[in-house]
Amino acid sequence: MNLIPVKLKVFIIPFPPGDAFNYLYHCPRGHKIVMDGLEDCEFLAENVQVVDTKNEADIYLLTYVPHWSNEKYNKSFISSYLGKKLVVIDWQDESGPDNYLVKSEECLAYFKRSWVGALNPQGIRQEIQHPTNFYPFAYCMMREYLSFPLVPFYKRVIDIGCYLRNEQPNRGFILQIMSQIKQQLPQLNIVVGPISGGNRSNGKNLTFDEQYFTALAQTKILVTCNPPLEGDSRTWEGLSAACCVLVDKTFTPIPDKLENEKHIKEYTFSDPNTLINQIQDIVNNPAKANDIAWSGYNFASEYHMPRSRISYVIRTIRKLLNENNHTIA
């Protein structure tokens, strides 16, 4: 039996040179979560050593992948890393076998943000059967999110904020509902639609848009929505500002999952009237909204930072090695 090393030696696969990527956008947020997580955790300091060369490594970690379906991706640059040392963290919005970067037999473990399928016409998410060495992943709060000062809940000037862009059917539906609610509740300050031009996935713009986060800090109730496949960074951004976050029901089984009515308030897409009632219910109960906001902020600050995500990756890798009774070194 080979002993599993005390510290896993991890080589971060560098961004590919030349024309390996032809992209309009990339995902600095995703890569930054990994790098911040590796720096910011006692568990990781004791269990991981980032090394400079491939030859030293127990694990090859691929953290940068295309984020959008219109990006062209030349997989040949990772051909030398394929095998049971490769660990992939995939931030794509697409899921299923046609959107895996590598096959299950070509990696030790594969972590997928878009783990659950798209909504069907009834508003239910499709289940996807992933290979056994594939695992769910998620965005999280980030250190920069917490750098914006918190405003006491009852002193915030925006009663409800919904800062989505109208570029996807489900988010367009939520924007329509919020416009109706704004008309029905004229006594409240309700802001509907994007409040800044910054695209937080676009490497050419700011990842942490000051105008957007300043508005979050003044928002009591934030209504957000997952993209067609689950993986909403806006949920974590809202939690970081201690907003009471309303988001569609999520199914991705991440560790320490947020609890409905405790850390967030979940809604369903069943029909417009139900959604309107769910939103009005929390508007009419500000004490409950305040409790959810601070409970969500405290819980996410403890269990959903980059260190939590990367600790989960390393623990999963060690579990796989233990099950196989050997090291990959």
Protein backbone atom coordinates (compact mmCIF):
# COMPACT_ATOMS: atom_id res chain seq x y z
CA MET A 1 0.00 0.00 0.00
CA ASN A 2 1.32 3.44 -0.91
CA LEU A 3 0.96 6.18 1.68
CA ILE A 4 -0.98 9.29 0.80
CA PRO A 5 1.38 12.27 1.13
CA VAL A 6 1.00 14.53 4.15
CA LYS A 7 0.81 17.48 1.76
CA LEU A 8 -0.64 17.12 -1.69
CA LYS A 9 1.64 18.87 -4.15
CA VAL A 10 -0.58 20.80 -6.53
CA PHE A 11 0.44 22.24 -9.87
CA ILE A 12 -1.89 24.94 -11.22
CA ILE A 13 -2.13 24.43 -14.97
CA PRO A 14 -1.23 27.82 -16.49
CA PHE A 15 -3.48 29.73 -18.85
CA PRO A 16 -2.81 28.38 -22.35
CA PRO A 17 -0.58 30.35 -24.70
CA GLY A 18 -1.36 31.38 -28.23
CA ASP A 19 -4.66 30.40 -29.79
CA ALA A 20 -5.72 27.69 -27.35
CA PHE A 21 -8.59 30.03 -26.40
CA ASN A 22 -10.53 32.29 -28.69
CA TYR A 23 -12.79 34.06 -26.23
CA LEU A 24 -14.96 37.12 -25.77
CA TYR A 25 -15.16 36.63 -22.03
CA HIS A 26 -13.36 34.72 -19.36
CA CYS A 27 -14.08 33.92 -15.75
CA PRO A 28 -11.59 35.70 -13.49
CA ARG A 29 -14.03 35.27 -10.61
CA GLY A 30 -13.85 31.47 -10.81
CA HIS A 31 -10.08 31.30 -11.04
CA LYS A 32 -9.77 33.84 -8.22
CA ILE A 33 -11.97 31.74 -5.93
CA VAL A 34 -9.49 28.88 -6.34
CA MET A 35 -6.39 30.99 -5.82
CA ASP A 36 -7.84 32.87 -2.81
CA GLY A 37 -8.98 29.58 -1.31
CA LEU A 38 -5.53 28.06 -1.58
CA GLU A 39 -4.09 31.05 0.29
CA ASP A 40 -6.68 31.45 3.01
CA CYS A 41 -7.22 28.37 5.14
CA GLU A 42 -5.34 26.61 7.91
CA PHE A 43 -6.56 23.24 6.65
CA LEU A 44 -5.10 23.95 3.22
CA ALA A 45 -1.82 25.24 4.64
CA GLU A 46 -1.40 21.91 6.40
CA ASN A 47 -2.56 19.76 3.50
CA VAL A 48 -1.54 21.46 0.26
CA GLN A 49 1.68 22.70 -1.27
CA VAL A 50 1.47 24.58 -4.57
CA VAL A 51 4.49 23.64 -6.70
CA ASP A 52 6.08 25.37 -9.66
CA THR A 53 6.53 22.47 -12.06
CA LYS A 54 4.43 19.63 -13.33
CA ASN A 55 7.07 17.03 -12.47
CA GLU A 56 6.85 17.81 -8.74
CA ALA A 57 3.08 17.47 -8.56
CA ASP A 58 0.69 14.92 -7.10
CA ILE A 59 -2.25 16.80 -8.61
CA TYR A 60 -2.73 18.92 -11.73
CA LEU A 61 -5.44 21.51 -11.11
CA LEU A 62 -7.26 23.04 -14.10
CA THR A 63 -9.07 26.15 -12.87
CA TYR A 64 -9.55 28.17 -16.03
CA VAL A 65 -12.13 26.97 -18.53
CA PRO A 66 -14.34 28.77 -21.05
CA HIS A 67 -17.38 30.32 -19.43
CA TRP A 68 -19.67 30.85 -22.41
CA SER A 69 -20.85 28.50 -25.16
CA ASN A 70 -19.61 30.82 -27.92
CA GLU A 71 -16.00 30.47 -26.81
CA LYS A 72 -13.81 28.19 -28.87
CA TYR A 73 -11.68 25.86 -26.84
CA ASN A 74 -8.68 23.90 -28.06
CA LYS A 75 -8.39 20.99 -25.65
CA SER A 76 -5.05 19.87 -26.99
CA PHE A 77 -3.18 22.08 -24.55
CA ILE A 78 -4.22 19.84 -21.64
CA SER A 79 -3.47 16.57 -23.42
CA SER A 80 -0.26 16.08 -21.43
CA TYR A 81 -2.19 16.44 -18.15
CA LEU A 82 -4.87 13.83 -18.81
CA GLY A 83 -5.02 10.93 -16.38
CA LYS A 84 -5.56 10.24 -12.69
CA LYS A 85 -3.61 13.29 -11.54
CA LEU A 86 -5.95 15.77 -13.24
CA VAL A 87 -8.57 17.67 -11.23
CA VAL A 88 -10.89 19.99 -13.15
CA ILE A 89 -12.95 22.88 -11.77
CA ASP A 90 -15.43 23.78 -14.49
CA TRP A 91 -17.27 27.14 -14.36
CA GLN A 92 -19.24 26.72 -17.60
CA ASP A 93 -22.91 27.64 -17.85
CA GLU A 94 -23.54 24.43 -19.80
CA SER A 95 -23.80 20.92 -18.38
CA GLY A 96 -24.12 17.31 -19.47
CA PRO A 97 -21.77 14.99 -21.42
CA ASP A 98 -21.51 17.33 -24.42
CA ASN A 99 -20.06 20.01 -22.17
CA TYR A 100 -17.50 18.06 -20.12
CA LEU A 101 -13.98 19.25 -20.82
CA VAL A 102 -12.57 15.75 -20.29
CA LYS A 103 -13.97 12.26 -19.90
CA SER A 104 -14.33 10.62 -16.50
CA GLU A 105 -11.49 8.21 -17.22
CA GLU A 106 -9.20 11.13 -18.11
CA CYS A 107 -9.26 12.73 -14.66
CA LEU A 108 -9.23 11.93 -10.96
CA ALA A 109 -12.08 14.31 -10.12
CA TYR A 110 -14.21 16.84 -11.96
CA PHE A 111 -16.04 19.67 -10.17
CA LYS A 112 -18.93 21.20 -12.13
CA ARG A 113 -20.71 24.45 -11.32
CA SER A 114 -23.62 23.86 -13.72
CA TRP A 115 -24.51 20.59 -12.02
CA VAL A 116 -28.30 20.63 -12.42
CA GLY A 117 -30.07 20.87 -15.76
CA ALA A 118 -32.16 23.67 -17.20
CA LEU A 119 -35.78 24.39 -16.31
CA ASN A 120 -38.45 22.44 -18.16
CA PRO A 121 -41.77 24.08 -19.19
CA GLN A 122 -43.21 23.28 -15.74
CA GLY A 123 -40.40 25.18 -14.01
CA ILE A 124 -38.68 22.03 -12.71
CA ARG A 125 -34.96 21.51 -13.18
CA GLN A 126 -33.83 18.48 -15.15
CA GLU A 127 -31.73 15.89 -13.36
CA ILE A 128 -28.41 15.05 -15.01
CA GLN A 129 -26.61 11.78 -14.37
CA HIS A 130 -22.94 12.62 -13.95
CA PRO A 131 -20.07 10.08 -13.76
CA THR A 132 -19.18 8.89 -10.27
CA ASN A 133 -15.97 10.92 -10.11
CA PHE A 134 -17.83 14.17 -10.94
CA TYR A 135 -18.89 16.46 -8.09
CA PRO A 136 -21.07 19.56 -7.66
CA PHE A 137 -19.47 22.92 -7.18
CA ALA A 138 -20.71 26.49 -6.68
CA TYR A 139 -19.71 30.09 -6.60
CA CYS A 140 -19.31 31.64 -3.14
CA MET A 141 -18.70 34.91 -1.35
CA MET A 142 -15.34 36.55 -1.95
CA ARG A 143 -13.11 38.71 0.19
CA GLU A 144 -13.70 41.74 -2.00
CA TYR A 145 -17.46 41.44 -1.52
CA LEU A 146 -16.93 41.95 2.21
CA SER A 147 -14.88 45.11 1.76
CA PHE A 148 -18.00 47.23 1.22
CA PRO A 149 -19.37 48.65 4.53
CA LEU A 150 -22.59 47.13 5.87
CA VAL A 151 -25.57 49.39 6.46
CA PRO A 152 -28.07 48.55 9.24
CA PHE A 153 -31.06 46.81 7.65
CA TYR A 154 -33.70 49.34 8.71
CA LYS A 155 -31.61 52.29 7.47
CA ARG A 156 -31.36 51.01 3.92
CA VAL A 157 -33.05 53.16 1.31
CA ILE A 158 -33.87 50.50 -1.33
CA ASP A 159 -36.76 48.32 -0.17
CA ILE A 160 -36.48 45.77 -2.99
CA GLY A 161 -33.78 45.45 -5.62
CA CYS A 162 -33.76 43.21 -8.68
CA TYR A 163 -30.64 44.00 -10.69
CA LEU A 164 -30.86 41.29 -13.34
CA ARG A 165 -30.21 41.86 -17.02
CA ASN A 166 -32.98 40.80 -19.38
CA GLU A 167 -30.93 38.31 -21.36
CA GLN A 168 -32.39 34.93 -20.35
CA PRO A 169 -36.04 33.75 -20.33
CA ASN A 170 -36.27 32.97 -16.61
CA ARG A 171 -34.58 36.21 -15.60
CA GLY A 172 -36.78 38.13 -18.04
CA PHE A 173 -39.81 36.55 -16.36
CA ILE A 174 -38.62 37.70 -12.93
CA LEU A 175 -38.04 41.23 -14.22
CA GLN A 176 -41.63 41.31 -15.54
CA ILE A 177 -42.95 40.16 -12.15
CA MET A 178 -40.86 42.77 -10.35
CA SER A 179 -42.18 45.50 -12.65
CA GLN A 180 -45.72 44.46 -11.70
CA ILE A 181 -44.87 44.55 -8.00
CA LYS A 182 -43.32 48.00 -8.41
CA GLN A 183 -46.64 49.25 -9.79
CA GLN A 184 -48.62 47.53 -7.02
CA LEU A 185 -46.43 48.92 -4.20
CA PRO A 186 -45.72 52.55 -5.19
CA GLN A 187 -45.03 53.46 -1.57
CA LEU A 188 -41.82 51.39 -1.65
CA ASN A 189 -38.52 52.21 -3.31
CA ILE A 190 -38.17 49.31 -5.75
CA VAL A 191 -35.29 49.25 -8.26
CA VAL A 192 -35.70 46.92 -11.24
CA GLY A 193 -33.02 46.25 -13.84
CA PRO A 194 -29.23 46.56 -14.04
CA ILE A 195 -27.72 49.53 -12.24
CA SER A 196 -24.27 49.46 -13.81
CA GLY A 197 -22.72 48.42 -17.07
CA GLY A 198 -20.11 46.17 -15.49
CA ASN A 199 -20.29 42.52 -16.50
CA ARG A 200 -18.70 40.67 -13.61
CA SER A 201 -17.57 37.79 -15.85
CA ASN A 202 -15.91 40.01 -18.43
CA GLY A 203 -12.19 40.21 -17.95
CA LYS A 204 -12.17 43.62 -19.63
CA ASN A 205 -14.36 45.17 -16.92
CA LEU A 206 -14.20 45.31 -13.14
CA THR A 207 -14.87 42.06 -11.32
CA PHE A 208 -16.06 44.06 -8.31
CA ASP A 209 -18.21 46.89 -9.58
CA GLU A 210 -18.36 49.64 -6.94
CA GLN A 211 -21.70 51.05 -8.11
CA TYR A 212 -23.34 47.62 -7.95
CA PHE A 213 -22.00 46.68 -4.51
CA THR A 214 -22.79 50.12 -3.09
CA ALA A 215 -26.41 49.60 -4.18
CA LEU A 216 -26.46 46.13 -2.60
CA ALA A 217 -25.37 47.66 0.70
CA GLN A 218 -28.48 49.88 0.58
CA THR A 219 -30.87 47.06 -0.41
CA LYS A 220 -33.13 45.35 2.10
CA ILE A 221 -34.56 42.60 -0.11
CA LEU A 222 -32.70 41.31 -3.17
CA VAL A 223 -34.61 39.30 -5.77
CA THR A 224 -32.30 37.27 -7.97
CA CYS A 225 -32.55 34.24 -10.23
CA ASN A 226 -30.31 31.43 -11.41
CA PRO A 227 -29.30 31.33 -15.08
CA PRO A 228 -30.90 28.51 -17.12
CA LEU A 229 -28.48 26.10 -15.43
CA GLU A 230 -27.89 26.64 -11.73
CA GLY A 231 -24.95 28.72 -10.62
CA ASP A 232 -25.87 32.24 -9.51
CA SER A 233 -23.12 34.51 -8.21
CA ARG A 234 -25.71 37.19 -7.41
CA THR A 235 -26.97 35.12 -4.49
CA TRP A 236 -23.55 35.26 -2.83
CA GLU A 237 -23.12 38.94 -3.65
CA GLY A 238 -26.44 39.69 -1.96
CA LEU A 239 -25.57 37.60 1.08
CA SER A 240 -22.28 39.45 1.42
CA ALA A 241 -24.22 42.72 1.78
CA ALA A 242 -26.60 41.16 4.33
CA CYS A 243 -29.60 41.49 2.01
CA CYS A 244 -32.58 39.25 2.49
CA VAL A 245 -32.01 37.19 -0.67
CA LEU A 246 -34.95 35.75 -2.63
CA VAL A 247 -33.83 33.21 -5.22
CA ASP A 248 -35.47 30.37 -7.14
CA LYS A 249 -35.26 26.96 -5.48
CA THR A 250 -31.85 25.40 -5.98
CA PHE A 251 -30.95 21.71 -6.06
CA THR A 252 -27.15 21.53 -6.34
CA PRO A 253 -26.04 19.44 -3.32
CA ILE A 254 -23.10 21.51 -2.08
CA PRO A 255 -21.80 21.09 1.50
CA ASP A 256 -23.50 23.26 4.17
CA LYS A 257 -26.29 24.20 1.79
CA LEU A 258 -28.22 27.41 2.46
CA GLU A 259 -31.54 26.70 4.20
CA ASN A 260 -34.83 28.13 2.95
CA GLU A 261 -36.51 30.54 5.39
CA LYS A 262 -33.33 30.65 7.48
CA HIS A 263 -30.48 31.90 5.28
CA ILE A 264 -32.43 32.75 2.10
CA LYS A 265 -36.02 32.70 0.93
CA GLU A 266 -36.70 30.46 -2.04
CA TYR A 267 -39.47 31.00 -4.57
CA THR A 268 -40.86 28.84 -7.36
CA PHE A 269 -41.72 29.47 -11.00
CA SER A 270 -45.12 27.75 -10.70
CA ASP A 271 -47.16 30.84 -11.65
CA PRO A 272 -46.91 34.65 -11.43
CA ASN A 273 -49.47 35.03 -8.66
CA THR A 274 -47.65 32.59 -6.39
CA LEU A 275 -44.38 34.42 -6.91
CA ILE A 276 -45.97 37.81 -6.27
CA ASN A 277 -47.48 36.48 -3.04
CA GLN A 278 -44.13 35.05 -1.93
CA ILE A 279 -42.41 38.40 -2.47
CA GLN A 280 -45.19 40.40 -0.82
CA ASP A 281 -45.13 38.05 2.18
CA ILE A 282 -41.52 38.91 3.01
CA VAL A 283 -42.09 42.63 2.25
CA ASN A 284 -44.89 42.65 4.82
CA ASN A 285 -42.71 41.01 7.46
CA PRO A 286 -39.61 43.21 7.81
CA ALA A 287 -38.53 41.57 11.06
CA LYS A 288 -38.38 38.20 9.32
CA ALA A 289 -36.53 39.75 6.37
CA ASN A 290 -33.98 41.24 8.76
CA ASP A 291 -33.47 37.88 10.51
CA ILE A 292 -32.97 36.03 7.20
CA ALA A 293 -30.57 38.72 5.98
CA TRP A 294 -28.22 38.54 8.96
CA SER A 295 -28.52 34.78 9.36
CA GLY A 296 -27.58 34.35 5.70
CA TYR A 297 -24.69 36.79 5.99
CA ASN A 298 -23.23 35.09 9.07
CA PHE A 299 -23.68 31.57 7.69
CA ALA A 300 -22.19 32.36 4.28
CA SER A 301 -19.26 34.22 5.88
CA GLU A 302 -18.46 31.08 7.85
CA TYR A 303 -19.18 28.27 5.37
CA HIS A 304 -19.18 29.74 1.86
CA MET A 305 -15.90 31.53 1.31
CA PRO A 306 -13.15 30.43 -1.15
CA ARG A 307 -11.41 28.47 1.65
CA SER A 308 -14.59 26.40 2.06
CA ARG A 309 -14.82 25.54 -1.62
CA ILE A 310 -11.18 24.54 -1.98
CA SER A 311 -11.14 22.62 1.31
CA TYR A 312 -14.05 20.63 -0.12
CA VAL A 313 -12.01 19.90 -3.27
CA ILE A 314 -8.97 18.73 -1.29
CA ARG A 315 -11.04 16.61 1.11
CA THR A 316 -12.75 14.98 -1.87
CA ILE A 317 -9.40 14.20 -3.47
CA ARG A 318 -8.09 12.67 -0.23
CA LYS A 319 -11.26 10.60 0.10
CA LEU A 320 -10.76 9.26 -3.44
CA LEU A 321 -7.16 8.37 -2.66
CA ASN A 322 -8.15 6.62 0.55
CA GLU A 323 -10.85 4.64 -1.24
CA ASN A 324 -8.31 3.54 -3.85
CA ASN A 325 -5.77 2.75 -1.12
CA HIS A 326 -2.94 4.55 -2.87
CA THR A 327 -1.36 7.86 -3.69
CA ILE A 328 -1.13 9.30 -7.17
CA ALA A 329 2.42 10.53 -6.63
